[in-house]
PDB file of N, CA and C in Angstrom:
ATOM      1  N   MET A   1     115.333 269.032  -0.095  1.00  0.00           N
ATOM      2  CA  MET A   1     115.821 269.456   1.110  1.00  0.00           C
ATOM      3  C   MET A   1     117.092 269.945   0.912  1.00  0.00           C
ATOM      4  N   LYS A   2     117.445 270.937   1.503  1.00  0.00           N
ATOM      5  CA  LYS A   2     118.754 271.656   1.146  1.00  0.00           C
ATOM      6  C   LYS A   2     119.767 271.349   2.294  1.00  0.00           C
ATOM      7  N   THR A   3     120.938 270.582   2.126  1.00  0.00           N
ATOM      8  CA  THR A   3     121.729 270.429   3.263  1.00  0.00           C
ATOM      9  C   THR A   3     123.062 271.109   3.166  1.00  0.00           C
ATOM     10  N   SER A   4     123.447 271.685   4.244  1.00  0.00           N
ATOM     11  CA  SER A   4     124.746 272.543   4.247  1.00  0.00           C
ATOM     12  C   SER A   4     125.913 271.419   4.566  1.00  0.00           C
ATOM     13  N   PHE A   5     127.193 272.302   4.528  1.00  0.00           N
ATOM     14  CA  PHE A   5     128.403 271.357   4.555  1.00  0.00           C
ATOM     15  C   PHE A   5     128.504 270.864   5.986  1.00  0.00           C
ATOM     16  N   PHE A   6     128.006 271.800   6.842  1.00  0.00           N
ATOM     17  CA  PHE A   6     128.116 271.146   8.371  1.00  0.00           C
ATOM     18  C   PHE A   6     127.137 270.303   8.773  1.00  0.00           C
ATOM     19  N   THR A   7     125.938 270.134   8.195  1.00  0.00           N
ATOM     20  CA  THR A   7     124.907 269.471   8.572  1.00  0.00           C
ATOM     21  C   THR A   7     124.754 268.048   7.722  1.00  0.00           C
ATOM     22  N   SER A   8     125.428 267.670   6.816  1.00  0.00           N
ATOM     23  CA  SER A   8     125.342 266.506   5.718  1.00  0.00           C
ATOM     24  C   SER A   8     125.847 265.409   6.690  1.00  0.00           C
ATOM     25  N   VAL A   9     125.201 264.278   6.448  1.00  0.00           N
ATOM     26  CA  VAL A   9     125.619 263.075   7.414  1.00  0.00           C
ATOM     27  C   VAL A   9     126.605 262.371   6.631  1.00  0.00           C
ATOM     28  N   SER A  10     127.859 262.234   7.279  1.00  0.00           N
ATOM     29  CA  SER A  10     128.820 261.605   6.619  1.00  0.00           C
ATOM     30  C   SER A  10     129.977 261.484   7.762  1.00  0.00           C
ATOM     31  N   PRO A  11     130.537 260.290   7.783  1.00  0.00           N
ATOM     32  CA  PRO A  11     131.746 260.190   8.856  1.00  0.00           C
ATOM     33  C   PRO A  11     132.681 261.197   8.615  1.00  0.00           C
ATOM     34  N   HIS A  12     133.280 261.579   7.620  1.00  0.00           N
ATOM     35  CA  HIS A  12     134.022 262.515   7.299  1.00  0.00           C
ATOM     36  C   HIS A  12     133.703 263.800   7.873  1.00  0.00           C
ATOM     37  N   ASN A  13     132.541 264.182   7.459  1.00  0.00           N
ATOM     38  CA  ASN A  13     132.117 265.499   8.082  1.00  0.00           C
ATOM     39  C   ASN A  13     132.028 265.600   9.587  1.00  0.00           C
ATOM     40  N   ASP A  14     131.529 264.392  10.271  1.00  0.00           N
ATOM     41  CA  ASP A  14     131.588 264.432  11.762  1.00  0.00           C
ATOM     42  C   ASP A  14     132.753 264.765  12.275  1.00  0.00           C
ATOM     43  N   ILE A  15     133.906 263.953  11.737  1.00  0.00           N
ATOM     44  CA  ILE A  15     135.195 264.098  12.355  1.00  0.00           C
ATOM     45  C   ILE A  15     135.872 265.577  12.091  1.00  0.00           C
ATOM     46  N   TYR A  16     135.400 265.929  10.904  1.00  0.00           N
ATOM     47  CA  TYR A  16     135.867 267.435  10.674  1.00  0.00           C
ATOM     48  C   TYR A  16     135.175 268.379  11.506  1.00  0.00           C
ATOM     49  N   ASN A  17     133.868 268.334  11.854  1.00  0.00           N
ATOM     50  CA  ASN A  17     133.156 269.201  12.607  1.00  0.00           C
ATOM     51  C   ASN A  17     133.619 268.988  14.121  1.00  0.00           C
ATOM     52  N   LYS A  18     133.973 267.877  14.547  1.00  0.00           N
ATOM     53  CA  LYS A  18     134.748 267.729  15.865  1.00  0.00           C
ATOM     54  C   LYS A  18     135.908 268.367  15.883  1.00  0.00           C
ATOM     55  N   ARG A  19     136.798 268.373  14.856  1.00  0.00           N
ATOM     56  CA  ARG A  19     138.069 268.877  14.837  1.00  0.00           C
ATOM     57  C   ARG A  19     137.876 270.516  15.029  1.00  0.00           C
ATOM     58  N   LEU A  20     137.070 270.922  14.084  1.00  0.00           N
ATOM     59  CA  LEU A  20     136.853 272.410  14.147  1.00  0.00           C
ATOM     60  C   LEU A  20     136.309 272.901  15.219  1.00  0.00           C
ATOM     61  N   LYS A  21     135.538 272.157  15.943  1.00  0.00           N
ATOM     62  CA  LYS A  21     134.861 272.582  17.134  1.00  0.00           C
ATOM     63  C   LYS A  21     135.746 272.772  18.034  1.00  0.00           C
ATOM     64  N   SER A  22     136.655 271.794  18.240  1.00  0.00           N
ATOM     65  CA  SER A  22     137.873 271.727  19.215  1.00  0.00           C
ATOM     66  C   SER A  22     138.655 272.761  18.942  1.00  0.00           C
ATOM     67  N   ILE A  23     138.887 273.162  17.882  1.00  0.00           N
ATOM     68  CA  ILE A  23     139.898 274.331  17.324  1.00  0.00           C
ATOM     69  C   ILE A  23     139.408 275.539  17.813  1.00  0.00           C
ATOM     70  N   ILE A  24     138.004 275.778  17.552  1.00  0.00           N
ATOM     71  CA  ILE A  24     137.189 276.968  18.022  1.00  0.00           C
ATOM     72  C   ILE A  24     137.282 277.221  19.502  1.00  0.00           C
ATOM     73  N   MET A  25     136.936 276.067  20.104  1.00  0.00           N
ATOM     74  CA  MET A  25     136.733 276.134  21.614  1.00  0.00           C
ATOM     75  C   MET A  25     138.163 276.356  22.384  1.00  0.00           C
ATOM     76  N   LYS A  26     139.319 275.859  21.868  1.00  0.00           N
ATOM     77  CA  LYS A  26     140.608 276.144  22.271  1.00  0.00           C
ATOM     78  C   LYS A  26     140.977 277.690  21.998  1.00  0.00           C
ATOM     79  N   GLY A  27     140.664 278.154  20.927  1.00  0.00           N
ATOM     80  CA  GLY A  27     140.892 279.509  20.633  1.00  0.00           C
ATOM     81  C   GLY A  27     140.161 280.374  21.552  1.00  0.00           C
ATOM     82  N   GLU A  28     138.983 279.958  21.833  1.00  0.00           N
ATOM     83  CA  GLU A  28     138.048 280.791  22.615  1.00  0.00           C
ATOM     84  C   GLU A  28     138.370 280.769  24.138  1.00  0.00           C
ATOM     85  N   LYS A  29     138.928 279.664  24.686  1.00  0.00           N
ATOM     86  CA  LYS A  29     139.584 279.640  25.839  1.00  0.00           C
ATOM     87  C   LYS A  29     140.844 280.536  25.919  1.00  0.00           C
ATOM     88  N   GLU A  30     141.615 280.459  24.951  1.00  0.00           N
ATOM     89  CA  GLU A  30     142.803 281.109  25.128  1.00  0.00           C
ATOM     90  C   GLU A  30     142.554 282.698  24.986  1.00  0.00           C
ATOM     91  N   TYR A  31     141.512 283.065  24.193  1.00  0.00           N
ATOM     92  CA  TYR A  31     141.013 284.702  24.266  1.00  0.00           C
ATOM     93  C   TYR A  31     140.445 285.099  25.625  1.00  0.00           C
ATOM     94  N   ILE A  32     139.905 284.288  26.154  1.00  0.00           N
ATOM     95  CA  ILE A  32     138.950 284.598  27.526  1.00  0.00           C
ATOM     96  C   ILE A  32     140.248 284.833  28.488  1.00  0.00           C
ATOM     97  N   GLU A  33     141.377 283.810  28.551  1.00  0.00           N
ATOM     98  CA  GLU A  33     142.501 283.847  29.442  1.00  0.00           C
ATOM     99  C   GLU A  33     143.154 285.172  29.278  1.00  0.00           C
ATOM    100  N   LYS A  34     143.381 285.570  27.995  1.00  0.00           N
ATOM    101  CA  LYS A  34     144.089 286.712  27.614  1.00  0.00           C
ATOM    102  C   LYS A  34     143.304 287.971  28.224  1.00  0.00           C
ATOM    103  N   GLN A  35     142.073 288.036  27.926  1.00  0.00           N
ATOM    104  CA  GLN A  35     141.343 289.023  28.312  1.00  0.00           C
ATOM    105  C   GLN A  35     141.295 289.052  30.075  1.00  0.00           C
ATOM    106  N   GLU A  36     141.358 288.075  30.792  1.00  0.00           N
ATOM    107  CA  GLU A  36     141.405 288.053  32.138  1.00  0.00           C
ATOM    108  C   GLU A  36     142.637 288.545  32.545  1.00  0.00           C
ATOM    109  N   ARG A  37     143.835 288.256  31.926  1.00  0.00           N
ATOM    110  CA  ARG A  37     145.238 288.670  32.242  1.00  0.00           C
ATOM    111  C   ARG A  37     145.154 290.110  31.838  1.00  0.00           C
ATOM    112  N   ILE A  38     144.702 290.394  30.937  1.00  0.00           N
ATOM    113  CA  ILE A  38     144.593 292.153  30.454  1.00  0.00           C
ATOM    114  C   ILE A  38     143.927 292.828  31.950  1.00  0.00           C
ATOM    115  N   LEU A  39     142.880 292.332  32.153  1.00  0.00           N
ATOM    116  CA  LEU A  39     142.219 293.123  33.326  1.00  0.00           C
ATOM    117  C   LEU A  39     142.916 292.900  34.627  1.00  0.00           C
ATOM    118  N   GLU A  40     143.678 291.991  34.840  1.00  0.00           N
ATOM    119  CA  GLU A  40     144.643 291.769  36.187  1.00  0.00           C
ATOM    120  C   GLU A  40     145.643 292.753  35.720  1.00  0.00           C
ATOM    121  N   LEU A  41     146.100 292.808  34.770  1.00  0.00           N
ATOM    122  CA  LEU A  41     147.273 293.992  34.488  1.00  0.00           C
ATOM    123  C   LEU A  41     146.912 295.366  34.638  1.00  0.00           C
ATOM    124  N   ARG A  42     145.728 295.648  34.080  1.00  0.00           N
ATOM    125  CA  ARG A  42     145.110 297.024  34.156  1.00  0.00           C
ATOM    126  C   ARG A  42     144.961 297.359  35.540  1.00  0.00           C
ATOM    127  N   GLU A  43     144.314 296.420  36.490  1.00  0.00           N
ATOM    128  CA  GLU A  43     144.426 296.682  37.889  1.00  0.00           C
ATOM    129  C   GLU A  43     145.513 297.082  38.468  1.00  0.00           C
ATOM    130  N   ALA A  44     146.534 296.237  38.344  1.00  0.00           N
ATOM    131  CA  ALA A  44     148.045 296.397  38.810  1.00  0.00           C
ATOM    132  C   ALA A  44     148.615 297.920  38.436  1.00  0.00           C
ATOM    133  N   ILE A  45     148.448 298.140  37.367  1.00  0.00           N
ATOM    134  CA  ILE A  45     148.821 299.496  36.899  1.00  0.00           C
ATOM    135  C   ILE A  45     148.044 300.493  37.596  1.00  0.00           C
ATOM    136  N   MET A  46     146.833 300.175  37.757  1.00  0.00           N
ATOM    137  CA  MET A  46     145.975 301.301  38.422  1.00  0.00           C
ATOM    138  C   MET A  46     146.437 301.397  40.020  1.00  0.00           C
ATOM    139  N   ASP A  47     146.547 300.195  40.621  1.00  0.00           N
ATOM    140  CA  ASP A  47     147.214 300.241  41.875  1.00  0.00           C
ATOM    141  C   ASP A  47     148.544 300.852  42.042  1.00  0.00           C
ATOM    142  N   GLY A  48     149.317 300.698  41.058  1.00  0.00           N
ATOM    143  CA  GLY A  48     150.457 301.476  41.197  1.00  0.00           C
ATOM    144  C   GLY A  48     150.377 302.825  41.016  1.00  0.00           C
ATOM    145  N   ILE A  49     149.667 303.471  40.087  1.00  0.00           N
ATOM    146  CA  ILE A  49     149.414 304.678  39.848  1.00  0.00           C
ATOM    147  C   ILE A  49     148.689 305.455  41.072  1.00  0.00           C
ATOM    148  N   ASP A  50     147.735 304.705  41.759  1.00  0.00           N
ATOM    149  CA  ASP A  50     146.928 305.157  42.987  1.00  0.00           C
ATOM    150  C   ASP A  50     147.914 305.249  44.111  1.00  0.00           C
ATOM    151  N   SER A  51     148.977 304.521  44.218  1.00  0.00           N
ATOM    152  CA  SER A  51     149.946 304.505  45.199  1.00  0.00           C
ATOM    153  C   SER A  51     150.847 305.745  45.406  1.00  0.00           C
ATOM    154  N   GLY A  52     150.924 306.263  44.331  1.00  0.00           N
ATOM    155  CA  GLY A  52     151.802 307.471  44.345  1.00  0.00           C
ATOM    156  C   GLY A  52     153.236 307.282  44.294  1.00  0.00           C
ATOM    157  N   ILE A  53     153.826 308.383  44.422  1.00  0.00           N
ATOM    158  CA  ILE A  53     155.518 308.299  44.245  1.00  0.00           C
ATOM    159  C   ILE A  53     156.048 307.774  45.440  1.00  0.00           C
ATOM    160  N   ALA A  54     156.924 306.942  45.244  1.00  0.00           N
ATOM    161  CA  ALA A  54     157.585 306.260  46.537  1.00  0.00           C
ATOM    162  C   ALA A  54     158.788 307.212  46.985  1.00  0.00           C
ATOM    163  N   GLU A  55     158.977 307.207  48.281  1.00  0.00           N
ATOM    164  CA  GLU A  55     159.591 308.270  48.699  1.00  0.00           C
ATOM    165  C   GLU A  55     161.089 307.605  49.049  1.00  0.00           C
ATOM    166  N   SER A  56     162.043 308.529  48.903  1.00  0.00           N
ATOM    167  CA  SER A  56     163.498 307.847  49.098  1.00  0.00           C
ATOM    168  C   SER A  56     163.887 306.799  48.153  1.00  0.00           C
ATOM    169  N   PHE A  57     163.378 307.157  46.884  1.00  0.00           N
ATOM    170  CA  PHE A  57     163.536 305.941  45.718  1.00  0.00           C
ATOM    171  C   PHE A  57     164.696 306.462  44.783  1.00  0.00           C
ATOM    172  N   ASN A  58     165.797 305.755  44.662  1.00  0.00           N
ATOM    173  CA  ASN A  58     166.711 306.155  43.903  1.00  0.00           C
ATOM    174  C   ASN A  58     166.646 305.342  42.571  1.00  0.00           C
ATOM    175  N   PRO A  59     166.299 305.972  41.316  1.00  0.00           N
ATOM    176  CA  PRO A  59     166.132 304.993  40.189  1.00  0.00           C
ATOM    177  C   PRO A  59     167.371 304.504  39.644  1.00  0.00           C
ATOM    178  N   GLU A  60     168.495 305.454  39.690  1.00  0.00           N
ATOM    179  CA  GLU A  60     169.712 304.901  39.137  1.00  0.00           C
ATOM    180  C   GLU A  60     170.368 303.638  40.113  1.00  0.00           C
ATOM    181  N   LEU A  61     170.142 303.823  41.254  1.00  0.00           N
ATOM    182  CA  LEU A  61     170.679 302.501  42.213  1.00  0.00           C
ATOM    183  C   LEU A  61     169.806 301.476  41.990  1.00  0.00           C
ATOM    184  N   HIS A  62     168.519 301.583  41.628  1.00  0.00           N
ATOM    185  CA  HIS A  62     167.589 300.489  41.410  1.00  0.00           C
ATOM    186  C   HIS A  62     168.144 299.712  39.913  1.00  0.00           C
ATOM    187  N   LEU A  63     168.525 300.632  39.188  1.00  0.00           N
ATOM    188  CA  LEU A  63     168.765 300.137  37.890  1.00  0.00           C
ATOM    189  C   LEU A  63     170.031 299.457  38.030  1.00  0.00           C
ATOM    190  N   GLU A  64     171.033 299.791  38.756  1.00  0.00           N
ATOM    191  CA  GLU A  64     172.348 299.178  38.938  1.00  0.00           C
ATOM    192  C   GLU A  64     171.998 297.833  39.667  1.00  0.00           C
ATOM    193  N   THR A  65     171.260 297.790  40.624  1.00  0.00           N
ATOM    194  CA  THR A  65     170.775 296.622  41.246  1.00  0.00           C
ATOM    195  C   THR A  65     170.431 295.510  40.272  1.00  0.00           C
ATOM    196  N   LEU A  66     169.438 295.931  39.486  1.00  0.00           N
ATOM    197  CA  LEU A  66     168.602 295.016  38.511  1.00  0.00           C
ATOM    198  C   LEU A  66     169.812 294.476  37.475  1.00  0.00           C
ATOM    199  N   LYS A  67     170.734 295.310  37.113  1.00  0.00           N
ATOM    200  CA  LYS A  67     171.773 294.886  36.136  1.00  0.00           C
ATOM    201  C   LYS A  67     172.762 293.921  36.861  1.00  0.00           C
ATOM    202  N   ARG A  68     173.147 294.195  38.041  1.00  0.00           N
ATOM    203  CA  ARG A  68     174.040 293.123  38.738  1.00  0.00           C
ATOM    204  C   ARG A  68     173.213 292.035  38.920  1.00  0.00           C
ATOM    205  N   GLU A  69     171.908 291.939  39.255  1.00  0.00           N
ATOM    206  CA  GLU A  69     171.243 290.591  39.418  1.00  0.00           C
ATOM    207  C   GLU A  69     171.233 289.739  38.011  1.00  0.00           C
ATOM    208  N   TYR A  70     170.939 290.634  36.946  1.00  0.00           N
ATOM    209  CA  TYR A  70     170.767 290.094  35.693  1.00  0.00           C
ATOM    210  C   TYR A  70     171.967 289.488  35.300  1.00  0.00           C
ATOM    211  N   ASN A  71     173.217 290.036  35.537  1.00  0.00           N
ATOM    212  CA  ASN A  71     174.566 289.658  35.360  1.00  0.00           C
ATOM    213  C   ASN A  71     174.980 288.241  35.895  1.00  0.00           C
ATOM    214  N   ASN A  72     174.355 288.263  37.037  1.00  0.00           N
ATOM    215  CA  ASN A  72     174.611 287.192  37.906  1.00  0.00           C
ATOM    216  C   ASN A  72     173.772 285.655  37.498  1.00  0.00           C
ATOM    217  N   VAL A  73     172.867 285.931  36.853  1.00  0.00           N
ATOM    218  CA  VAL A  73     172.053 284.847  36.464  1.00  0.00           C
ATOM    219  C   VAL A  73     172.664 284.078  35.425  1.00  0.00           C
TER     220      VAL A  73
END
């Protein structure tokens, strides 16, 4: 009977497999969270595009306001 590395009966392999599973599950969770965040950002971008151009918006004044706020932090 052929035994693979992951199925051999040994306390060492059992601990290794549990650690490996934990690492994989953590990576999968992070990947799913990032994919969800990407979808949220895409929706926000599309909402901004669909809302059109803001009226009476002065980009230079807005930039100066942001710089002032940044320097006061």
